[in-house]
Amino acid sequence: MKHGGDISLAASEFGDGRDEAWLDLSTGIAPDPYPLPNISSDAWQQLPQRGELDRLLVAARCAYGGPSGCPMVAAPGTQLLIQLLPLLRPNAAVRVLGPTYSEHAICWERTAKQVSTVARLDALETADVAIITNPNNPDGRIVPPGSLQSLTEQMARRDGLLIVDEAFADLMPAMSIAPRAGMPGLLVLRSFGKFYGLAGVRLGFALGMEKDIVALDALMGPWAVPGPALSIGMCALADEAWAKAARQRYRAQAQQLDALLFNFGFDLIGGTDLFRLFSHDHAQEIHRKLAADGILTRIFEAEPTWIRLGLPGDEHHLLRLANSLKAILAPAAAK
């Protein structure tokens, strides 16, 4: 599958005649969604209001640590921003630090004169546009903020652009470069749906230089973010207590998942506290057998021993995964 989360495609491939619903571990979406607030009827009946959008941006800027007044735009999902960004720098030489989320390279290939995926940070220095996902998907690699700032300064001297996709940075706020947003040469993407477990809300943000933010806003046109998404986003992003508790909860759940798969002979490669990347000699076969049992994971063509799992969430789902693995694999001897 090209992306995780497509249960209908998995059902057509592996069958859907099972007693239990699919357990989707193919994404990095939090298993415990933020509790939905009451949404006024106006949010559904009226066009999205500018005042509501402004309040959402204030809440998001505060939650992400963006400087006061830093240019920022909201979008119906970060994916749309990823698709629009190539229009800001047509005919650019683009380098992506990889392996990473494939849509970055795919989208830039439509307008760039050259797109290449590189494995080293210093290989980005001569690009017109450099792209880093931080923390990275799928391996959780971290580029420290100091290194990102140094690269931004180098890009700015050549009128280049560093794009930092922080889709999973809510889990590690100290690693975010968002507090430097607005400086020349930098554009930061933030995703709402993953950490808050509300991917269906379709909400994302870009923080950056005024010229880039104004251009993205114009490309999307008026009323890009629906009224209900404005209401939900404002409430969730302002709830610091929930975010703090969620980070602790997901860290504990990730450790439980690590311990379970370690017991079945998997090696942990990396990940974040919302998804874990493991290695196993029979990863492809395990993926297929789990899918036949209604549990969807992610595998990678370029790395056939890799398998990525999101958090199962509650104890029932963790036990279901354990029982399925037990039917596929005998527990490994203690290492």
Protein backbone atom coordinates (compact mmCIF):
# COMPACT_ATOMS: atom_id res chain seq x y z
CA MET A 1 0.00 0.00 0.00
CA LYS A 2 1.19 3.52 -0.80
CA HIS A 3 0.07 4.92 2.56
CA GLY A 4 -1.22 3.53 5.82
CA GLY A 5 -4.80 3.72 7.00
CA ASP A 6 -6.60 2.44 3.90
CA ILE A 7 -8.76 -0.23 5.50
CA SER A 8 -10.99 -0.60 2.44
CA LEU A 9 -7.96 -1.47 0.29
CA ALA A 10 -6.69 -3.93 2.90
CA ALA A 11 -10.12 -5.54 3.12
CA SER A 12 -10.24 -6.01 -0.65
CA GLU A 13 -6.79 -7.61 -0.61
CA PHE A 14 -7.01 -9.75 2.51
CA GLY A 15 -10.76 -10.24 2.93
CA ASP A 16 -13.20 -8.72 5.38
CA GLY A 17 -15.17 -11.70 6.61
CA ARG A 18 -13.94 -11.61 10.21
CA ASP A 19 -15.73 -11.32 13.53
CA GLU A 20 -13.75 -8.33 14.80
CA ALA A 21 -13.23 -4.96 13.12
CA TRP A 22 -9.85 -4.16 11.64
CA LEU A 23 -7.13 -3.10 14.08
CA ASP A 24 -5.30 -0.43 12.13
CA LEU A 25 -1.64 -0.22 13.20
CA SER A 26 -0.52 1.07 9.81
CA THR A 27 -0.53 4.76 10.73
CA GLY A 28 1.07 7.01 13.32
CA ILE A 29 -2.28 8.40 14.41
CA ALA A 30 -2.74 8.44 18.18
CA PRO A 31 -5.10 5.69 19.38
CA ASP A 32 -6.67 7.91 22.09
CA PRO A 33 -8.37 10.86 20.37
CA TYR A 34 -8.84 14.22 21.98
CA PRO A 35 -12.42 14.40 23.34
CA LEU A 36 -14.51 16.39 20.91
CA PRO A 37 -15.87 19.67 22.29
CA ASN A 38 -19.41 20.85 21.76
CA ILE A 39 -19.58 22.51 18.36
CA SER A 40 -22.11 25.27 17.82
CA SER A 41 -24.62 25.00 15.02
CA ASP A 42 -23.11 28.19 13.54
CA ALA A 43 -19.89 26.30 12.81
CA TRP A 44 -21.88 23.98 10.55
CA GLN A 45 -24.27 26.50 9.04
CA GLN A 46 -22.06 29.54 8.42
CA LEU A 47 -18.96 30.01 6.32
CA PRO A 48 -15.81 29.81 8.46
CA GLN A 49 -15.32 33.12 10.24
CA ARG A 50 -12.07 35.10 10.04
CA GLY A 51 -12.15 35.79 13.77
CA GLU A 52 -12.31 32.07 14.52
CA LEU A 53 -9.39 31.42 12.18
CA ASP A 54 -7.33 34.13 13.86
CA ARG A 55 -8.00 32.60 17.28
CA LEU A 56 -7.01 29.17 15.97
CA LEU A 57 -3.70 30.57 14.70
CA VAL A 58 -3.00 32.16 18.07
CA ALA A 59 -3.64 28.83 19.83
CA ALA A 60 -1.50 26.92 17.33
CA ARG A 61 1.36 29.42 17.50
CA CYS A 62 1.36 29.12 21.28
CA ALA A 63 1.13 25.31 21.28
CA TYR A 64 3.98 24.97 18.79
CA GLY A 65 6.22 27.59 20.38
CA GLY A 66 6.16 29.89 17.36
CA PRO A 67 7.29 33.48 17.92
CA SER A 68 4.55 36.02 18.55
CA GLY A 69 3.33 37.40 15.26
CA CYS A 70 5.19 34.79 13.19
CA PRO A 71 3.49 34.42 9.79
CA MET A 72 1.33 31.31 9.87
CA VAL A 73 -1.40 29.70 7.78
CA ALA A 74 -3.90 26.93 8.52
CA ALA A 75 -4.84 24.36 5.90
CA PRO A 76 -7.22 21.40 5.56
CA GLY A 77 -4.39 18.98 6.32
CA THR A 78 -0.63 19.20 5.96
CA GLN A 79 -0.80 17.02 2.84
CA LEU A 80 -2.35 19.91 0.90
CA LEU A 81 0.52 22.19 1.97
CA ILE A 82 3.04 19.58 0.81
CA GLN A 83 1.33 19.55 -2.59
CA LEU A 84 1.26 23.36 -2.86
CA LEU A 85 4.82 24.11 -1.74
CA PRO A 86 6.41 23.18 -5.11
CA LEU A 87 4.46 26.04 -6.68
CA LEU A 88 6.45 28.50 -4.54
CA ARG A 89 9.84 27.42 -5.92
CA PRO A 90 9.36 26.08 -9.48
CA ASN A 91 12.35 24.67 -11.32
CA ALA A 92 14.29 24.18 -8.08
CA ALA A 93 16.99 21.65 -7.28
CA VAL A 94 15.43 19.75 -4.39
CA ARG A 95 17.04 17.35 -1.94
CA VAL A 96 15.14 15.29 0.60
CA LEU A 97 16.79 13.73 3.64
CA GLY A 98 15.63 10.14 3.46
CA PRO A 99 14.27 7.61 3.52
CA THR A 100 11.18 9.51 4.63
CA TYR A 101 7.55 10.30 3.83
CA SER A 102 7.39 9.68 0.07
CA GLU A 103 4.93 12.47 -0.77
CA HIS A 104 7.61 15.14 -0.40
CA ALA A 105 9.62 13.84 -3.35
CA ILE A 106 6.52 12.87 -5.33
CA CYS A 107 5.03 16.36 -5.13
CA TRP A 108 8.25 18.23 -5.94
CA GLU A 109 8.86 16.06 -8.99
CA ARG A 110 5.97 17.88 -10.68
CA THR A 111 7.78 21.25 -10.82
CA ALA A 112 11.42 20.77 -9.83
CA LYS A 113 14.30 20.52 -12.27
CA GLN A 114 15.83 17.84 -10.04
CA VAL A 115 14.71 15.87 -6.97
CA SER A 116 17.06 13.55 -5.13
CA THR A 117 16.91 11.69 -1.84
CA VAL A 118 20.10 11.89 0.20
CA ALA A 119 21.22 10.12 3.36
CA ARG A 120 23.49 12.79 4.86
CA LEU A 121 22.61 16.17 6.30
CA ASP A 122 25.56 17.93 4.64
CA ALA A 123 24.30 16.79 1.22
CA LEU A 124 21.41 19.24 1.61
CA GLU A 125 23.63 22.31 1.82
CA THR A 126 23.83 23.05 -1.91
CA ALA A 127 20.13 22.46 -2.72
CA ASP A 128 17.71 25.22 -3.67
CA VAL A 129 15.13 23.49 -1.47
CA ALA A 130 16.03 21.06 1.31
CA ILE A 131 13.41 18.90 3.06
CA ILE A 132 13.71 17.21 6.44
CA THR A 133 11.04 15.30 8.35
CA ASN A 134 11.85 15.70 12.04
CA PRO A 135 11.28 13.38 13.88
CA ASN A 136 11.56 11.26 10.78
CA ASN A 137 9.00 8.82 9.47
CA PRO A 138 9.54 5.84 9.54
CA ASP A 139 12.72 5.55 11.66
CA GLY A 140 12.30 8.42 14.14
CA ARG A 141 15.66 10.00 13.28
CA ILE A 142 16.17 13.36 15.01
CA VAL A 143 18.08 16.34 13.64
CA PRO A 144 18.80 18.69 16.59
CA PRO A 145 17.41 22.24 16.41
CA GLY A 146 20.92 23.70 16.37
CA SER A 147 21.80 21.76 13.22
CA LEU A 148 18.53 22.82 11.61
CA GLN A 149 19.22 26.47 12.43
CA SER A 150 22.73 26.25 10.95
CA LEU A 151 21.34 24.70 7.78
CA THR A 152 18.64 27.38 7.61
CA GLU A 153 21.26 30.11 7.80
CA GLN A 154 23.22 28.50 4.97
CA MET A 155 20.07 28.22 2.85
CA ALA A 156 19.12 31.84 3.53
CA ARG A 157 22.49 33.12 2.27
CA ARG A 158 21.65 31.58 -1.12
CA ASP A 159 17.94 32.48 -1.06
CA GLY A 160 17.22 28.78 -0.56
CA LEU A 161 14.51 27.20 1.56
CA LEU A 162 14.64 24.55 4.28
CA ILE A 163 11.30 22.81 4.82
CA VAL A 164 11.01 20.97 8.13
CA ASP A 165 8.03 18.63 8.39
CA GLU A 166 7.27 18.30 12.12
CA ALA A 167 4.28 15.98 11.83
CA PHE A 168 5.36 14.11 14.99
CA ALA A 169 7.07 16.94 16.88
CA ASP A 170 4.21 17.25 19.41
CA LEU A 171 5.80 14.25 21.12
CA MET A 172 9.16 16.02 21.53
CA PRO A 173 8.56 19.80 21.76
CA ALA A 174 12.20 20.48 22.70
CA MET A 175 13.30 19.18 19.29
CA SER A 176 11.08 21.58 17.33
CA ILE A 177 12.52 24.36 15.17
CA ALA A 178 9.15 26.16 15.28
CA PRO A 179 10.49 28.69 17.84
CA ARG A 180 12.77 29.90 15.02
CA ALA A 181 9.96 30.15 12.48
CA GLY A 182 9.93 33.41 10.57
CA MET A 183 13.69 33.52 10.06
CA PRO A 184 14.82 33.71 6.41
CA GLY A 185 15.16 30.37 4.66
CA LEU A 186 12.86 28.33 6.92
CA LEU A 187 9.36 26.90 6.60
CA VAL A 188 7.89 24.59 9.26
CA LEU A 189 4.95 22.23 8.75
CA ARG A 190 2.85 21.01 11.69
CA SER A 191 0.15 18.35 11.61
CA PHE A 192 -2.80 18.39 14.01
CA GLY A 193 -4.46 15.03 13.43
CA LYS A 194 -1.71 12.62 14.43
CA PHE A 195 -0.95 13.64 18.01
CA TYR A 196 -4.56 14.52 18.79
CA GLY A 197 -5.88 11.33 17.17
CA LEU A 198 -8.24 13.26 14.91
CA ALA A 199 -6.87 12.78 11.41
CA GLY A 200 -10.36 13.10 9.95
CA VAL A 201 -10.54 16.73 11.06
CA ARG A 202 -7.97 17.49 8.30
CA LEU A 203 -6.02 20.34 9.86
CA GLY A 204 -2.41 21.41 9.38
CA PHE A 205 -0.24 24.50 9.61
CA ALA A 206 2.74 26.19 8.02
CA LEU A 207 4.95 28.74 9.78
CA GLY A 208 7.51 30.68 7.80
CA MET A 209 8.51 33.83 5.97
CA GLU A 210 5.71 36.23 5.17
CA LYS A 211 6.11 35.88 1.38
CA ASP A 212 5.70 32.10 1.55
CA ILE A 213 2.80 32.14 3.99
CA VAL A 214 0.93 34.79 1.97
CA ALA A 215 1.47 32.74 -1.20
CA LEU A 216 0.18 29.52 0.40
CA ASP A 217 -2.86 31.35 1.74
CA ALA A 218 -3.63 32.74 -1.72
CA LEU A 219 -3.25 29.33 -3.36
CA MET A 220 -5.80 27.79 -0.99
CA GLY A 221 -8.29 30.62 -1.35
CA PRO A 222 -10.94 31.69 1.17
CA TRP A 223 -12.61 29.37 3.71
CA ALA A 224 -10.01 26.63 3.33
CA VAL A 225 -10.46 25.28 6.88
CA PRO A 226 -14.05 24.28 7.82
CA GLY A 227 -15.75 25.86 10.82
CA PRO A 228 -15.95 22.62 12.88
CA ALA A 229 -12.19 22.09 12.38
CA LEU A 230 -11.54 25.63 13.63
CA SER A 231 -13.54 24.92 16.80
CA ILE A 232 -11.92 21.55 17.48
CA GLY A 233 -8.42 22.81 16.77
CA MET A 234 -8.77 25.85 19.02
CA CYS A 235 -9.96 23.75 21.95
CA ALA A 236 -7.39 20.97 21.61
CA LEU A 237 -4.35 23.16 20.97
CA ALA A 238 -5.09 25.26 24.04
CA ASP A 239 -5.35 22.19 26.31
CA GLU A 240 -1.80 21.92 27.66
CA ALA A 241 -2.78 19.51 30.44
CA TRP A 242 -4.21 17.00 27.95
CA ALA A 243 -1.09 17.24 25.76
CA LYS A 244 1.24 16.63 28.70
CA ALA A 245 -0.76 13.59 29.86
CA ALA A 246 -0.94 12.25 26.30
CA ARG A 247 2.85 12.36 25.91
CA GLN A 248 3.26 10.30 29.08
CA ARG A 249 0.53 7.86 28.04
CA TYR A 250 1.96 7.28 24.56
CA ARG A 251 5.47 6.80 25.93
CA ALA A 252 4.17 4.03 28.23
CA GLN A 253 2.20 2.41 25.39
CA ALA A 254 5.24 2.48 23.11
CA GLN A 255 7.30 0.72 25.76
CA GLN A 256 4.60 -1.96 26.10
CA LEU A 257 4.65 -2.51 22.35
CA ASP A 258 8.46 -2.76 22.33
CA ALA A 259 8.39 -5.37 25.08
CA LEU A 260 5.76 -7.45 23.28
CA LEU A 261 7.57 -7.54 19.95
CA PHE A 262 10.95 -8.12 21.59
CA ASN A 263 9.45 -11.28 23.04
CA PHE A 264 8.72 -12.51 19.51
CA GLY A 265 12.19 -11.85 18.13
CA PHE A 266 11.75 -8.41 16.59
CA ASP A 267 14.60 -5.89 16.72
CA LEU A 268 13.70 -2.26 17.38
CA ILE A 269 15.19 0.09 14.78
CA GLY A 270 13.57 3.33 15.86
CA GLY A 271 10.36 5.31 15.67
CA THR A 272 8.49 7.80 17.81
CA ASP A 273 6.08 7.32 20.69
CA LEU A 274 3.24 7.01 18.15
CA PHE A 275 4.82 4.38 15.92
CA ARG A 276 7.66 1.87 16.21
CA LEU A 277 9.88 0.53 13.45
CA PHE A 278 11.10 -3.04 13.85
CA SER A 279 13.24 -5.44 11.87
CA HIS A 280 12.45 -9.12 11.35
CA ASP A 281 13.71 -11.58 8.75
CA HIS A 282 10.12 -12.57 7.98
CA ALA A 283 8.55 -9.10 8.14
CA GLN A 284 6.71 -9.42 4.82
CA GLU A 285 5.14 -12.75 5.74
CA ILE A 286 4.22 -11.53 9.23
CA HIS A 287 2.55 -8.46 7.71
CA ARG A 288 0.43 -10.64 5.44
CA LYS A 289 -0.56 -13.08 8.19
CA LEU A 290 -1.46 -10.26 10.58
CA ALA A 291 -3.58 -8.69 7.83
CA ALA A 292 -5.34 -12.01 7.28
CA ASP A 293 -6.22 -11.78 10.97
CA GLY A 294 -7.52 -8.21 10.60
CA ILE A 295 -4.45 -6.37 11.90
CA LEU A 296 -2.93 -3.88 9.47
CA THR A 297 0.77 -2.91 9.67
CA ARG A 298 3.22 -1.16 7.32
CA ILE A 299 6.00 -2.76 5.32
CA PHE A 300 8.49 -1.19 2.92
CA GLU A 301 9.53 -2.40 -0.53
CA ALA A 302 13.00 -0.90 -0.27
CA GLU A 303 13.62 -2.54 3.13
CA PRO A 304 11.95 -5.98 3.13
CA THR A 305 12.92 -6.73 6.74
CA TRP A 306 11.25 -3.58 8.10
CA ILE A 307 7.79 -3.52 9.64
CA ARG A 308 6.18 -0.50 11.30
CA LEU A 309 3.41 -0.62 13.89
CA GLY A 310 1.38 2.16 15.42
CA LEU A 311 0.23 1.98 19.01
CA PRO A 312 -2.53 -0.58 19.67
CA GLY A 313 -3.95 1.65 22.39
CA ASP A 314 -5.99 -0.13 25.03
CA GLU A 315 -5.16 -3.48 26.65
CA HIS A 316 -7.73 -5.35 24.56
CA HIS A 317 -6.02 -4.35 21.32
CA LEU A 318 -2.57 -5.11 22.70
CA LEU A 319 -3.78 -8.59 23.73
CA ARG A 320 -5.32 -9.12 20.31
CA LEU A 321 -1.95 -8.32 18.69
CA ALA A 322 -0.18 -10.63 21.14
CA ASN A 323 -2.51 -13.52 20.40
CA SER A 324 -2.17 -13.05 16.66
CA LEU A 325 1.63 -12.97 16.88
CA LYS A 326 1.55 -16.07 19.05
CA ALA A 327 -0.38 -17.89 16.32
CA ILE A 328 2.20 -16.80 13.75
CA LEU A 329 5.44 -17.01 15.75
CA ALA A 330 6.67 -18.85 18.77
CA PRO A 331 7.98 -16.46 21.43
CA ALA A 332 11.73 -15.97 20.94
CA ALA A 333 14.24 -17.18 23.47
CA ALA A 334 15.38 -14.49 25.87
CA LYS A 335 18.18 -12.45 24.31
